[in-house]
Amino acid sequence: MIFAGHRQYYSLYPRQLQELSGQTHPVIVNCSNVVELDAFIDAGFVYKGIGRGDKNCHEVK
């Protein structure tokens, strides 16, 4: 999933989105820092944010 700076992304629910993806660790690329990275990491996402570094606790395969 790739997120850009659209206001609709601000109201996403990480757990619900993770369930809809059907993946244990879906990948999210946050291009405009529009989502809260800790909430998405806690929901199991592999988080890649431009300019925010890597805070993932699980192995990226």
Protein backbone atom coordinates (compact mmCIF):
# COMPACT_ATOMS: atom_id res chain seq x y z
CA MET A 1 0.00 0.00 0.00
CA ILE A 2 1.30 3.42 -0.88
CA PHE A 3 -0.15 6.48 0.83
CA ALA A 4 0.17 10.03 -0.44
CA GLY A 5 -1.01 13.32 1.05
CA HIS A 6 -4.77 12.88 0.66
CA ARG A 7 -6.97 13.70 3.65
CA GLN A 8 -8.86 10.39 3.34
CA TYR A 9 -5.77 8.55 4.58
CA TYR A 10 -5.87 10.36 7.93
CA SER A 11 -8.92 8.37 9.05
CA LEU A 12 -7.74 4.83 8.24
CA TYR A 13 -7.96 2.16 10.92
CA PRO A 14 -4.74 0.10 10.88
CA ARG A 15 -6.19 -3.18 12.24
CA GLN A 16 -9.13 -3.07 9.85
CA LEU A 17 -6.86 -2.33 6.90
CA GLN A 18 -4.51 -5.16 7.90
CA GLU A 19 -7.43 -7.62 8.03
CA LEU A 20 -8.70 -6.46 4.64
CA SER A 21 -5.26 -6.98 3.12
CA GLY A 22 -5.26 -10.68 4.03
CA GLN A 23 -1.56 -10.46 4.90
CA THR A 24 0.17 -10.99 8.24
CA HIS A 25 2.63 -8.17 7.59
CA PRO A 26 1.41 -5.98 4.73
CA VAL A 27 3.80 -3.29 3.57
CA ILE A 28 2.89 0.36 3.78
CA VAL A 29 4.86 3.15 2.11
CA ASN A 30 3.91 6.46 3.66
CA CYS A 31 5.05 9.09 1.17
CA SER A 32 3.72 12.15 2.97
CA ASN A 33 3.71 11.11 6.65
CA VAL A 34 -0.09 11.08 6.69
CA VAL A 35 -0.55 8.04 8.95
CA GLU A 36 0.64 7.34 12.47
CA LEU A 37 3.53 4.94 12.04
CA ASP A 38 3.36 3.34 15.51
CA ALA A 39 -0.31 2.43 15.05
CA PHE A 40 0.42 0.72 11.75
CA ILE A 41 3.49 -1.10 13.08
CA ASP A 42 1.45 -2.26 16.09
CA ALA A 43 -1.13 -3.64 13.64
CA GLY A 44 1.59 -5.76 11.98
CA PHE A 45 2.49 -3.57 9.02
CA VAL A 46 5.98 -3.31 7.61
CA TYR A 47 6.30 0.45 7.60
CA LYS A 48 8.44 2.46 5.21
CA GLY A 49 8.21 6.20 5.58
CA ILE A 50 10.20 8.72 3.62
CA GLY A 51 12.47 10.61 6.01
CA ARG A 52 11.31 8.73 9.13
CA GLY A 53 13.71 5.80 9.20
CA ASP A 54 12.87 2.20 10.04
CA LYS A 55 11.08 1.43 13.31
CA ASN A 56 9.89 -2.07 12.37
CA CYS A 57 10.30 -4.71 15.06
CA HIS A 58 9.58 -7.68 12.83
CA GLU A 59 11.77 -9.10 10.12
CA VAL A 60 11.22 -7.73 6.64
CA LYS A 61 11.25 -10.56 4.08
